[in-house]
Amino acid sequence: MPNTTSGFLRARLLADVGGTNARFAWQSGPGEPITDVRVLPCAEHATLQDAIRVYLNGLGHGTPDAVAIAIANPITGDQIRMTNHHWSFSQSAVKAEFGFNTLRLLNDFTALALAL
């Protein structure tokens, strides 16, 4: 069940996905500290969804409302095929599978530029 209070988005799953590792972190709500950072080797998971599931199951916080994933890959539509790893997925299918209210993917260089 998503973590919501008065209809406002609360909990967030944050990720940085590369060809070697997928880094995950949790944010309980806007302005809250980023916690529960965990690095999962991509090679140990058949799909991005498997890695997300392992991370979320290890936390026990439930399903976040919003997810933001920076990925070392062009984002040109719903279907993502990683150029430096074998993972391939549909953004809309991942969103539906987990019940995320919001799922945002962006190129990792774009994420870095926005952070500056």
PDB file of N, CA and C in Angstrom:
ATOM      1  N   MET A   1       0.850  -1.173   0.000  1.00  0.00           N
ATOM      2  CA  MET A   1       0.000   0.000   0.000  1.00  0.00           C
ATOM      3  C   MET A   1       0.898   1.239   0.000  1.00  0.00           C
ATOM      4  N   PRO A   2       0.638   2.165  -0.910  1.00  0.00           N
ATOM      5  CA  PRO A   2       1.472   3.368  -0.952  1.00  0.00           C
ATOM      6  C   PRO A   2       1.387   4.168   0.329  1.00  0.00           C
ATOM      7  N   ASN A   3       2.458   4.837   0.656  1.00  0.00           N
ATOM      8  CA  ASN A   3       2.524   5.694   1.834  1.00  0.00           C
ATOM      9  C   ASN A   3       2.013   7.079   1.473  1.00  0.00           C
ATOM     10  N   THR A   4       0.796   7.411   1.862  1.00  0.00           N
ATOM     11  CA  THR A   4       0.253   8.728   1.570  1.00  0.00           C
ATOM     12  C   THR A   4      -0.332   9.334   2.824  1.00  0.00           C
ATOM     13  N   THR A   5      -0.333  10.629   2.860  1.00  0.00           N
ATOM     14  CA  THR A   5      -0.966  11.370   3.930  1.00  0.00           C
ATOM     15  C   THR A   5      -1.767  12.486   3.287  1.00  0.00           C
ATOM     16  N   SER A   6      -3.066  12.494   3.509  1.00  0.00           N
ATOM     17  CA  SER A   6      -3.945  13.528   2.953  1.00  0.00           C
ATOM     18  C   SER A   6      -3.812  13.654   1.440  1.00  0.00           C
ATOM     19  N   GLY A   7      -3.536  12.541   0.747  1.00  0.00           N
ATOM     20  CA  GLY A   7      -3.464  12.560  -0.695  1.00  0.00           C
ATOM     21  C   GLY A   7      -2.145  13.070  -1.271  1.00  0.00           C
ATOM     22  N   PHE A   8      -1.230  13.537  -0.439  1.00  0.00           N
ATOM     23  CA  PHE A   8       0.046  14.034  -0.934  1.00  0.00           C
ATOM     24  C   PHE A   8       1.032  12.881  -1.076  1.00  0.00           C
ATOM     25  N   LEU A   9       1.835  12.953  -2.124  1.00  0.00           N
ATOM     26  CA  LEU A   9       2.860  11.927  -2.292  1.00  0.00           C
ATOM     27  C   LEU A   9       3.838  11.989  -1.137  1.00  0.00           C
ATOM     28  N   ARG A  10       4.212  10.840  -0.673  1.00  0.00           N
ATOM     29  CA  ARG A  10       5.125  10.784   0.463  1.00  0.00           C
ATOM     30  C   ARG A  10       6.394  10.024   0.112  1.00  0.00           C
ATOM     31  N   ALA A  11       6.433   8.751   0.361  1.00  0.00           N
ATOM     32  CA  ALA A  11       7.661   7.978   0.228  1.00  0.00           C
ATOM     33  C   ALA A  11       8.138   7.897  -1.214  1.00  0.00           C
ATOM     34  N   ARG A  12       9.474   7.911  -1.349  1.00  0.00           N
ATOM     35  CA  ARG A  12      10.111   7.891  -2.669  1.00  0.00           C
ATOM     36  C   ARG A  12      11.230   6.861  -2.709  1.00  0.00           C
ATOM     37  N   LEU A  13      11.274   6.134  -3.798  1.00  0.00           N
ATOM     38  CA  LEU A  13      12.393   5.260  -4.098  1.00  0.00           C
ATOM     39  C   LEU A  13      13.254   6.003  -5.109  1.00  0.00           C
ATOM     40  N   LEU A  14      14.528   6.126  -4.814  1.00  0.00           N
ATOM     41  CA  LEU A  14      15.481   6.810  -5.685  1.00  0.00           C
ATOM     42  C   LEU A  14      16.497   5.783  -6.169  1.00  0.00           C
ATOM     43  N   ALA A  15      16.857   5.844  -7.443  1.00  0.00           N
ATOM     44  CA  ALA A  15      17.806   4.862  -7.967  1.00  0.00           C
ATOM     45  C   ALA A  15      18.730   5.484  -9.001  1.00  0.00           C
ATOM     46  N   ASP A  16      19.922   4.938  -9.063  1.00  0.00           N
ATOM     47  CA  ASP A  16      20.919   5.268 -10.074  1.00  0.00           C
ATOM     48  C   ASP A  16      21.345   3.933 -10.667  1.00  0.00           C
ATOM     49  N   VAL A  17      20.955   3.674 -11.905  1.00  0.00           N
ATOM     50  CA  VAL A  17      21.188   2.371 -12.520  1.00  0.00           C
ATOM     51  C   VAL A  17      22.227   2.489 -13.615  1.00  0.00           C
ATOM     52  N   GLY A  18      23.291   1.718 -13.466  1.00  0.00           N
ATOM     53  CA  GLY A  18      24.341   1.648 -14.471  1.00  0.00           C
ATOM     54  C   GLY A  18      24.478   0.227 -14.972  1.00  0.00           C
ATOM     55  N   GLY A  19      25.475  -0.020 -15.755  1.00  0.00           N
ATOM     56  CA  GLY A  19      25.689  -1.348 -16.293  1.00  0.00           C
ATOM     57  C   GLY A  19      26.236  -2.340 -15.287  1.00  0.00           C
ATOM     58  N   THR A  20      26.903  -1.848 -14.255  1.00  0.00           N
ATOM     59  CA  THR A  20      27.507  -2.717 -13.250  1.00  0.00           C
ATOM     60  C   THR A  20      26.670  -2.801 -11.986  1.00  0.00           C
ATOM     61  N   ASN A  21      26.205  -1.662 -11.501  1.00  0.00           N
ATOM     62  CA  ASN A  21      25.463  -1.617 -10.233  1.00  0.00           C
ATOM     63  C   ASN A  21      24.179  -0.818 -10.355  1.00  0.00           C
ATOM     64  N   ALA A  22      23.221  -1.189  -9.519  1.00  0.00           N
ATOM     65  CA  ALA A  22      21.994  -0.408  -9.337  1.00  0.00           C
ATOM     66  C   ALA A  22      22.023   0.074  -7.894  1.00  0.00           C
ATOM     67  N   ARG A  23      22.034   1.384  -7.718  1.00  0.00           N
ATOM     68  CA  ARG A  23      22.087   1.976  -6.381  1.00  0.00           C
ATOM     69  C   ARG A  23      20.685   2.462  -6.029  1.00  0.00           C
ATOM     70  N   PHE A  24      20.202   2.054  -4.861  1.00  0.00           N
ATOM     71  CA  PHE A  24      18.860   2.418  -4.418  1.00  0.00           C
ATOM     72  C   PHE A  24      18.936   3.170  -3.102  1.00  0.00           C
ATOM     73  N   ALA A  25      17.970   4.053  -2.898  1.00  0.00           N
ATOM     74  CA  ALA A  25      17.852   4.781  -1.634  1.00  0.00           C
ATOM     75  C   ALA A  25      16.378   5.077  -1.392  1.00  0.00           C
ATOM     76  N   TRP A  26      16.050   5.414  -0.153  1.00  0.00           N
ATOM     77  CA  TRP A  26      14.682   5.672   0.282  1.00  0.00           C
ATOM     78  C   TRP A  26      14.590   7.092   0.819  1.00  0.00           C
ATOM     79  N   GLN A  27      13.503   7.742   0.524  1.00  0.00           N
ATOM     80  CA  GLN A  27      13.209   9.051   1.108  1.00  0.00           C
ATOM     81  C   GLN A  27      11.771   8.985   1.604  1.00  0.00           C
ATOM     82  N   SER A  28      11.571   9.168   2.894  1.00  0.00           N
ATOM     83  CA  SER A  28      10.249   9.020   3.505  1.00  0.00           C
ATOM     84  C   SER A  28       9.252  10.076   3.058  1.00  0.00           C
ATOM     85  N   GLY A  29       9.729  11.222   2.618  1.00  0.00           N
ATOM     86  CA  GLY A  29       8.841  12.275   2.148  1.00  0.00           C
ATOM     87  C   GLY A  29       9.646  13.486   1.734  1.00  0.00           C
ATOM     88  N   PRO A  30       8.967  14.486   1.167  1.00  0.00           N
ATOM     89  CA  PRO A  30       9.646  15.712   0.750  1.00  0.00           C
ATOM     90  C   PRO A  30      10.428  16.342   1.898  1.00  0.00           C
ATOM     91  N   GLY A  31      11.691  16.675   1.626  1.00  0.00           N
ATOM     92  CA  GLY A  31      12.530  17.304   2.636  1.00  0.00           C
ATOM     93  C   GLY A  31      13.133  16.353   3.651  1.00  0.00           C
ATOM     94  N   GLU A  32      12.740  15.089   3.598  1.00  0.00           N
ATOM     95  CA  GLU A  32      13.288  14.094   4.528  1.00  0.00           C
ATOM     96  C   GLU A  32      14.665  13.642   4.042  1.00  0.00           C
ATOM     97  N   PRO A  33      15.496  13.149   4.954  1.00  0.00           N
ATOM     98  CA  PRO A  33      16.824  12.683   4.536  1.00  0.00           C
ATOM     99  C   PRO A  33      16.726  11.432   3.663  1.00  0.00           C
ATOM    100  N   ILE A  34      17.727  11.238   2.839  1.00  0.00           N
ATOM    101  CA  ILE A  34      17.835  10.031   2.028  1.00  0.00           C
ATOM    102  C   ILE A  34      18.499   8.968   2.893  1.00  0.00           C
ATOM    103  N   THR A  35      17.854   7.810   2.973  1.00  0.00           N
ATOM    104  CA  THR A  35      18.324   6.742   3.861  1.00  0.00           C
ATOM    105  C   THR A  35      18.363   5.413   3.114  1.00  0.00           C
ATOM    106  N   ASP A  36      18.801   4.403   3.816  1.00  0.00           N
ATOM    107  CA  ASP A  36      18.753   3.015   3.338  1.00  0.00           C
ATOM    108  C   ASP A  36      19.398   2.842   1.967  1.00  0.00           C
ATOM    109  N   VAL A  37      20.555   3.456   1.786  1.00  0.00           N
ATOM    110  CA  VAL A  37      21.281   3.328   0.520  1.00  0.00           C
ATOM    111  C   VAL A  37      21.818   1.907   0.406  1.00  0.00           C
ATOM    112  N   ARG A  38      21.585   1.308  -0.749  1.00  0.00           N
ATOM    113  CA  ARG A  38      22.062  -0.057  -0.977  1.00  0.00           C
ATOM    114  C   ARG A  38      22.491  -0.190  -2.434  1.00  0.00           C
ATOM    115  N   VAL A  39      23.611  -0.850  -2.648  1.00  0.00           N
ATOM    116  CA  VAL A  39      24.131  -1.090  -3.990  1.00  0.00           C
ATOM    117  C   VAL A  39      23.940  -2.566  -4.319  1.00  0.00           C
ATOM    118  N   LEU A  40      23.246  -2.824  -5.428  1.00  0.00           N
ATOM    119  CA  LEU A  40      23.012  -4.200  -5.868  1.00  0.00           C
ATOM    120  C   LEU A  40      23.717  -4.416  -7.207  1.00  0.00           C
ATOM    121  N   PRO A  41      24.555  -5.431  -7.312  1.00  0.00           N
ATOM    122  CA  PRO A  41      25.194  -5.719  -8.596  1.00  0.00           C
ATOM    123  C   PRO A  41      24.137  -6.132  -9.625  1.00  0.00           C
ATOM    124  N   CYS A  42      24.139  -5.502 -10.767  1.00  0.00           N
ATOM    125  CA  CYS A  42      23.154  -5.803 -11.810  1.00  0.00           C
ATOM    126  C   CYS A  42      23.231  -7.267 -12.253  1.00  0.00           C
ATOM    127  N   ALA A  43      24.435  -7.811 -12.318  1.00  0.00           N
ATOM    128  CA  ALA A  43      24.616  -9.183 -12.784  1.00  0.00           C
ATOM    129  C   ALA A  43      23.923 -10.211 -11.889  1.00  0.00           C
ATOM    130  N   GLU A  44      23.600  -9.846 -10.662  1.00  0.00           N
ATOM    131  CA  GLU A  44      22.946 -10.774  -9.741  1.00  0.00           C
ATOM    132  C   GLU A  44      21.424 -10.769  -9.863  1.00  0.00           C
ATOM    133  N   HIS A  45      20.892  -9.972 -10.800  1.00  0.00           N
ATOM    134  CA  HIS A  45      19.440  -9.848 -10.949  1.00  0.00           C
ATOM    135  C   HIS A  45      19.078  -9.939 -12.427  1.00  0.00           C
ATOM    136  N   ALA A  46      18.103 -10.772 -12.745  1.00  0.00           N
ATOM    137  CA  ALA A  46      17.713 -10.998 -14.132  1.00  0.00           C
ATOM    138  C   ALA A  46      17.098  -9.755 -14.772  1.00  0.00           C
ATOM    139  N   THR A  47      16.407  -8.944 -13.961  1.00  0.00           N
ATOM    140  CA  THR A  47      15.723  -7.761 -14.489  1.00  0.00           C
ATOM    141  C   THR A  47      15.829  -6.607 -13.497  1.00  0.00           C
ATOM    142  N   LEU A  48      15.548  -5.427 -13.981  1.00  0.00           N
ATOM    143  CA  LEU A  48      15.468  -4.274 -13.093  1.00  0.00           C
ATOM    144  C   LEU A  48      14.392  -4.508 -12.037  1.00  0.00           C
ATOM    145  N   GLN A  49      13.269  -5.074 -12.444  1.00  0.00           N
ATOM    146  CA  GLN A  49      12.184  -5.335 -11.515  1.00  0.00           C
ATOM    147  C   GLN A  49      12.630  -6.261 -10.381  1.00  0.00           C
ATOM    148  N   ASP A  50      13.438  -7.266 -10.694  1.00  0.00           N
ATOM    149  CA  ASP A  50      13.962  -8.152  -9.657  1.00  0.00           C
ATOM    150  C   ASP A  50      14.818  -7.382  -8.662  1.00  0.00           C
ATOM    151  N   ALA A  51      15.652  -6.486  -9.155  1.00  0.00           N
ATOM    152  CA  ALA A  51      16.506  -5.687  -8.267  1.00  0.00           C
ATOM    153  C   ALA A  51      15.650  -4.768  -7.393  1.00  0.00           C
ATOM    154  N   ILE A  52      14.649  -4.131  -7.984  1.00  0.00           N
ATOM    155  CA  ILE A  52      13.753  -3.272  -7.200  1.00  0.00           C
ATOM    156  C   ILE A  52      13.060  -4.097  -6.116  1.00  0.00           C
ATOM    157  N   ARG A  53      12.568  -5.265  -6.482  1.00  0.00           N
ATOM    158  CA  ARG A  53      11.869  -6.135  -5.531  1.00  0.00           C
ATOM    159  C   ARG A  53      12.773  -6.531  -4.363  1.00  0.00           C
ATOM    160  N   VAL A  54      14.010  -6.908  -4.675  1.00  0.00           N
ATOM    161  CA  VAL A  54      14.963  -7.279  -3.619  1.00  0.00           C
ATOM    162  C   VAL A  54      15.176  -6.108  -2.674  1.00  0.00           C
ATOM    163  N   TYR A  55      15.364  -4.924  -3.234  1.00  0.00           N
ATOM    164  CA  TYR A  55      15.584  -3.741  -2.402  1.00  0.00           C
ATOM    165  C   TYR A  55      14.367  -3.457  -1.523  1.00  0.00           C
ATOM    166  N   LEU A  56      13.199  -3.391  -2.114  1.00  0.00           N
ATOM    167  CA  LEU A  56      11.993  -3.057  -1.348  1.00  0.00           C
ATOM    168  C   LEU A  56      11.673  -4.112  -0.294  1.00  0.00           C
ATOM    169  N   ASN A  57      11.823  -5.385  -0.640  1.00  0.00           N
ATOM    170  CA  ASN A  57      11.556  -6.447   0.331  1.00  0.00           C
ATOM    171  C   ASN A  57      12.518  -6.387   1.510  1.00  0.00           C
ATOM    172  N   GLY A  58      13.745  -5.959   1.258  1.00  0.00           N
ATOM    173  CA  GLY A  58      14.735  -5.848   2.328  1.00  0.00           C
ATOM    174  C   GLY A  58      14.462  -4.696   3.281  1.00  0.00           C
ATOM    175  N   LEU A  59      13.699  -3.704   2.830  1.00  0.00           N
ATOM    176  CA  LEU A  59      13.405  -2.537   3.671  1.00  0.00           C
ATOM    177  C   LEU A  59      12.233  -2.761   4.608  1.00  0.00           C
ATOM    178  N   GLY A  60      11.165  -3.311   4.064  1.00  0.00           N
ATOM    179  CA  GLY A  60       9.953  -3.488   4.853  1.00  0.00           C
ATOM    180  C   GLY A  60       9.146  -2.211   5.022  1.00  0.00           C
ATOM    181  N   HIS A  61       9.362  -1.202   4.175  1.00  0.00           N
ATOM    182  CA  HIS A  61       8.621   0.057   4.250  1.00  0.00           C
ATOM    183  C   HIS A  61       7.349   0.035   3.424  1.00  0.00           C
ATOM    184  N   GLY A  62       7.130  -0.993   2.641  1.00  0.00           N
ATOM    185  CA  GLY A  62       5.997  -1.012   1.727  1.00  0.00           C
ATOM    186  C   GLY A  62       6.391  -0.454   0.378  1.00  0.00           C
ATOM    187  N   THR A  63       5.376  -0.089  -0.386  1.00  0.00           N
ATOM    188  CA  THR A  63       5.588   0.431  -1.735  1.00  0.00           C
ATOM    189  C   THR A  63       5.623   1.946  -1.709  1.00  0.00           C
ATOM    190  N   PRO A  64       6.639   2.548  -2.310  1.00  0.00           N
ATOM    191  CA  PRO A  64       6.685   4.012  -2.351  1.00  0.00           C
ATOM    192  C   PRO A  64       5.654   4.551  -3.333  1.00  0.00           C
ATOM    193  N   ASP A  65       5.279   5.785  -3.149  1.00  0.00           N
ATOM    194  CA  ASP A  65       4.367   6.443  -4.083  1.00  0.00           C
ATOM    195  C   ASP A  65       5.071   6.845  -5.360  1.00  0.00           C
ATOM    196  N   ALA A  66       6.282   7.354  -5.222  1.00  0.00           N
ATOM    197  CA  ALA A  66       7.007   7.907  -6.361  1.00  0.00           C
ATOM    198  C   ALA A  66       8.371   7.245  -6.490  1.00  0.00           C
ATOM    199  N   VAL A  67       8.796   7.075  -7.731  1.00  0.00           N
ATOM    200  CA  VAL A  67      10.093   6.475  -8.027  1.00  0.00           C
ATOM    201  C   VAL A  67      10.787   7.330  -9.078  1.00  0.00           C
ATOM    202  N   ALA A  68      12.054   7.633  -8.826  1.00  0.00           N
ATOM    203  CA  ALA A  68      12.877   8.346  -9.802  1.00  0.00           C
ATOM    204  C   ALA A  68      14.125   7.505 -10.049  1.00  0.00           C
ATOM    205  N   ILE A  69      14.376   7.220 -11.309  1.00  0.00           N
ATOM    206  CA  ILE A  69      15.520   6.393 -11.680  1.00  0.00           C
ATOM    207  C   ILE A  69      16.376   7.142 -12.696  1.00  0.00           C
ATOM    208  N   ALA A  70      17.619   7.402 -12.325  1.00  0.00           N
ATOM    209  CA  ALA A  70      18.610   7.918 -13.264  1.00  0.00           C
ATOM    210  C   ALA A  70      19.302   6.692 -13.849  1.00  0.00           C
ATOM    211  N   ILE A  71      19.395   6.643 -15.165  1.00  0.00           N
ATOM    212  CA  ILE A  71      19.924   5.444 -15.810  1.00  0.00           C
ATOM    213  C   ILE A  71      20.924   5.843 -16.901  1.00  0.00           C
ATOM    214  N   ALA A  72      21.967   5.063 -17.030  1.00  0.00           N
ATOM    215  CA  ALA A  72      23.000   5.319 -18.031  1.00  0.00           C
ATOM    216  C   ALA A  72      22.502   4.823 -19.384  1.00  0.00           C
ATOM    217  N   ASN A  73      21.537   5.561 -19.917  1.00  0.00           N
ATOM    218  CA  ASN A  73      20.878   5.125 -21.140  1.00  0.00           C
ATOM    219  C   ASN A  73      20.040   6.269 -21.694  1.00  0.00           C
ATOM    220  N   PRO A  74      19.871   6.342 -22.998  1.00  0.00           N
ATOM    221  CA  PRO A  74      18.935   7.335 -23.528  1.00  0.00           C
ATOM    222  C   PRO A  74      17.499   6.976 -23.115  1.00  0.00           C
ATOM    223  N   ILE A  75      16.682   7.979 -22.856  1.00  0.00           N
ATOM    224  CA  ILE A  75      15.271   7.774 -22.540  1.00  0.00           C
ATOM    225  C   ILE A  75      14.488   8.408 -23.697  1.00  0.00           C
ATOM    226  N   THR A  76      13.967   7.557 -24.576  1.00  0.00           N
ATOM    227  CA  THR A  76      13.299   8.084 -25.766  1.00  0.00           C
ATOM    228  C   THR A  76      11.848   7.633 -25.880  1.00  0.00           C
ATOM    229  N   GLY A  77      11.364   6.875 -24.957  1.00  0.00           N
ATOM    230  CA  GLY A  77       9.992   6.384 -25.006  1.00  0.00           C
ATOM    231  C   GLY A  77       9.734   5.421 -23.873  1.00  0.00           C
ATOM    232  N   ASP A  78       8.663   4.672 -23.968  1.00  0.00           N
ATOM    233  CA  ASP A  78       8.284   3.747 -22.900  1.00  0.00           C
ATOM    234  C   ASP A  78       9.256   2.585 -22.765  1.00  0.00           C
ATOM    235  N   GLN A  79       9.678   2.022 -23.876  1.00  0.00           N
ATOM    236  CA  GLN A  79      10.546   0.847 -23.851  1.00  0.00           C
ATOM    237  C   GLN A  79      12.003   1.254 -23.665  1.00  0.00           C
ATOM    238  N   ILE A  80      12.642   0.683 -22.666  1.00  0.00           N
ATOM    239  CA  ILE A  80      14.045   0.972 -22.368  1.00  0.00           C
ATOM    240  C   ILE A  80      14.867  -0.291 -22.602  1.00  0.00           C
ATOM    241  N   ARG A  81      15.913  -0.164 -23.397  1.00  0.00           N
ATOM    242  CA  ARG A  81      16.887  -1.248 -23.591  1.00  0.00           C
ATOM    243  C   ARG A  81      18.245  -0.678 -23.202  1.00  0.00           C
ATOM    244  N   MET A  82      18.785  -1.199 -22.125  1.00  0.00           N
ATOM    245  CA  MET A  82      20.068  -0.678 -21.650  1.00  0.00           C
ATOM    246  C   MET A  82      21.162  -0.969 -22.665  1.00  0.00           C
ATOM    247  N   THR A  83      22.008   0.018 -22.890  1.00  0.00           N
ATOM    248  CA  THR A  83      23.097  -0.135 -23.852  1.00  0.00           C
ATOM    249  C   THR A  83      24.325  -0.802 -23.240  1.00  0.00           C
ATOM    250  N   ASN A  84      24.415  -0.788 -21.906  1.00  0.00           N
ATOM    251  CA  ASN A  84      25.600  -1.348 -21.250  1.00  0.00           C
ATOM    252  C   ASN A  84      25.263  -2.527 -20.324  1.00  0.00           C
ATOM    253  N   HIS A  85      24.047  -3.093 -20.475  1.00  0.00           N
ATOM    254  CA  HIS A  85      23.622  -4.257 -19.698  1.00  0.00           C
ATOM    255  C   HIS A  85      22.449  -4.884 -20.445  1.00  0.00           C
ATOM    256  N   HIS A  86      22.091  -6.103 -20.085  1.00  0.00           N
ATOM    257  CA  HIS A  86      21.048  -6.803 -20.823  1.00  0.00           C
ATOM    258  C   HIS A  86      19.612  -6.464 -20.380  1.00  0.00           C
ATOM    259  N   TRP A  87      19.449  -5.645 -19.366  1.00  0.00           N
ATOM    260  CA  TRP A  87      18.095  -5.328 -18.907  1.00  0.00           C
ATOM    261  C   TRP A  87      17.318  -4.556 -19.965  1.00  0.00           C
ATOM    262  N   SER A  88      16.047  -4.913 -20.096  1.00  0.00           N
ATOM    263  CA  SER A  88      15.119  -4.251 -20.988  1.00  0.00           C
ATOM    264  C   SER A  88      13.767  -4.240 -20.286  1.00  0.00           C
ATOM    265  N   PHE A  89      13.045  -3.117 -20.368  1.00  0.00           N
ATOM    266  CA  PHE A  89      11.766  -3.040 -19.664  1.00  0.00           C
ATOM    267  C   PHE A  89      10.896  -1.930 -20.224  1.00  0.00           C
ATOM    268  N   SER A  90       9.627  -2.040 -19.952  1.00  0.00           N
ATOM    269  CA  SER A  90       8.656  -1.008 -20.290  1.00  0.00           C
ATOM    270  C   SER A  90       8.408  -0.180 -19.035  1.00  0.00           C
ATOM    271  N   GLN A  91       8.515   1.141 -19.162  1.00  0.00           N
ATOM    272  CA  GLN A  91       8.273   2.006 -18.004  1.00  0.00           C
ATOM    273  C   GLN A  91       6.852   1.818 -17.470  1.00  0.00           C
ATOM    274  N   SER A  92       5.882   1.764 -18.364  1.00  0.00           N
ATOM    275  CA  SER A  92       4.487   1.635 -17.926  1.00  0.00           C
ATOM    276  C   SER A  92       4.234   0.281 -17.260  1.00  0.00           C
ATOM    277  N   ALA A  93       4.905  -0.766 -17.733  1.00  0.00           N
ATOM    278  CA  ALA A  93       4.745  -2.085 -17.117  1.00  0.00           C
ATOM    279  C   ALA A  93       5.358  -2.123 -15.718  1.00  0.00           C
ATOM    280  N   VAL A  94       6.513  -1.494 -15.536  1.00  0.00           N
ATOM    281  CA  VAL A  94       7.140  -1.439 -14.206  1.00  0.00           C
ATOM    282  C   VAL A  94       6.246  -0.667 -13.243  1.00  0.00           C
ATOM    283  N   LYS A  95       5.727   0.453 -13.694  1.00  0.00           N
ATOM    284  CA  LYS A  95       4.839   1.271 -12.868  1.00  0.00           C
ATOM    285  C   LYS A  95       3.617   0.468 -12.442  1.00  0.00           C
ATOM    286  N   ALA A  96       3.013  -0.242 -13.373  1.00  0.00           N
ATOM    287  CA  ALA A  96       1.827  -1.041 -13.073  1.00  0.00           C
ATOM    288  C   ALA A  96       2.145  -2.234 -12.179  1.00  0.00           C
ATOM    289  N   GLU A  97       3.267  -2.899 -12.439  1.00  0.00           N
ATOM    290  CA  GLU A  97       3.643  -4.086 -11.665  1.00  0.00           C
ATOM    291  C   GLU A  97       3.763  -3.786 -10.179  1.00  0.00           C
ATOM    292  N   PHE A  98       4.363  -2.647  -9.848  1.00  0.00           N
ATOM    293  CA  PHE A  98       4.589  -2.302  -8.449  1.00  0.00           C
ATOM    294  C   PHE A  98       3.492  -1.412  -7.864  1.00  0.00           C
ATOM    295  N   GLY A  99       2.681  -0.824  -8.706  1.00  0.00           N
ATOM    296  CA  GLY A  99       1.639   0.074  -8.226  1.00  0.00           C
ATOM    297  C   GLY A  99       2.161   1.452  -7.860  1.00  0.00           C
ATOM    298  N   PHE A 100       3.248   1.882  -8.501  1.00  0.00           N
ATOM    299  CA  PHE A 100       3.780   3.220  -8.246  1.00  0.00           C
ATOM    300  C   PHE A 100       2.810   4.263  -8.795  1.00  0.00           C
ATOM    301  N   ASN A 101       2.585   5.327  -8.067  1.00  0.00           N
ATOM    302  CA  ASN A 101       1.786   6.440  -8.584  1.00  0.00           C
ATOM    303  C   ASN A 101       2.567   7.216  -9.635  1.00  0.00           C
ATOM    304  N   THR A 102       3.863   7.375  -9.394  1.00  0.00           N
ATOM    305  CA  THR A 102       4.729   8.129 -10.304  1.00  0.00           C
ATOM    306  C   THR A 102       6.009   7.341 -10.531  1.00  0.00           C
ATOM    307  N   LEU A 103       6.411   7.239 -11.788  1.00  0.00           N
ATOM    308  CA  LEU A 103       7.692   6.651 -12.147  1.00  0.00           C
ATOM    309  C   LEU A 103       8.339   7.583 -13.166  1.00  0.00           C
ATOM    310  N   ARG A 104       9.519   8.094 -12.825  1.00  0.00           N
ATOM    311  CA  ARG A 104      10.252   8.991 -13.714  1.00  0.00           C
ATOM    312  C   ARG A 104      11.623   8.387 -13.989  1.00  0.00           C
ATOM    313  N   LEU A 105      11.948   8.254 -15.258  1.00  0.00           N
ATOM    314  CA  LEU A 105      13.281   7.843 -15.662  1.00  0.00           C
ATOM    315  C   LEU A 105      13.944   9.001 -16.376  1.00  0.00           C
ATOM    316  N   LEU A 106      15.231   9.186 -16.108  1.00  0.00           N
ATOM    317  CA  LEU A 106      15.973  10.203 -16.833  1.00  0.00           C
ATOM    318  C   LEU A 106      17.405   9.738 -17.002  1.00  0.00           C
ATOM    319  N   ASN A 107      18.000  10.235 -18.053  1.00  0.00           N
ATOM    320  CA  ASN A 107      19.389   9.921 -18.326  1.00  0.00           C
ATOM    321  C   ASN A 107      20.247  10.378 -17.154  1.00  0.00           C
ATOM    322  N   ASP A 108      21.249   9.593 -16.790  1.00  0.00           N
ATOM    323  CA  ASP A 108      22.071   9.934 -15.626  1.00  0.00           C
ATOM    324  C   ASP A 108      22.829  11.250 -15.794  1.00  0.00           C
ATOM    325  N   PHE A 109      23.249  11.608 -17.013  1.00  0.00           N
ATOM    326  CA  PHE A 109      23.907  12.903 -17.220  1.00  0.00           C
ATOM    327  C   PHE A 109      22.904  14.047 -17.031  1.00  0.00           C
ATOM    328  N   THR A 110      21.678  13.825 -17.455  1.00  0.00           N
ATOM    329  CA  THR A 110      20.623  14.827 -17.231  1.00  0.00           C
ATOM    330  C   THR A 110      20.402  15.011 -15.730  1.00  0.00           C
ATOM    331  N   ALA A 111      20.382  13.916 -14.993  1.00  0.00           N
ATOM    332  CA  ALA A 111      20.209  13.991 -13.538  1.00  0.00           C
ATOM    333  C   ALA A 111      21.339  14.785 -12.908  1.00  0.00           C
ATOM    334  N   LEU A 112      22.564  14.545 -13.347  1.00  0.00           N
ATOM    335  CA  LEU A 112      23.711  15.274 -12.821  1.00  0.00           C
ATOM    336  C   LEU A 112      23.602  16.759 -13.135  1.00  0.00           C
ATOM    337  N   ALA A 113      23.227  17.087 -14.358  1.00  0.00           N
ATOM    338  CA  ALA A 113      23.083  18.493 -14.749  1.00  0.00           C
ATOM    339  C   ALA A 113      22.006  19.172 -13.926  1.00  0.00           C
ATOM    340  N   LEU A 114      20.891  18.511 -13.686  1.00  0.00           N
ATOM    341  CA  LEU A 114      19.820  19.100 -12.889  1.00  0.00           C
ATOM    342  C   LEU A 114      20.241  19.302 -11.438  1.00  0.00           C
ATOM    343  N   ALA A 115      21.110  18.424 -10.946  1.00  0.00           N
ATOM    344  CA  ALA A 115      21.579  18.535  -9.567  1.00  0.00           C
ATOM    345  C   ALA A 115      22.481  19.752  -9.373  1.00  0.00           C
ATOM    346  N   LEU A 116      23.149  20.173 -10.439  1.00  0.00           N
ATOM    347  CA  LEU A 116      24.040  21.319 -10.353  1.00  0.00           C
ATOM    348  C   LEU A 116      23.249  22.600 -10.283  1.00  0.00           C
TER     349      LEU A 116
END
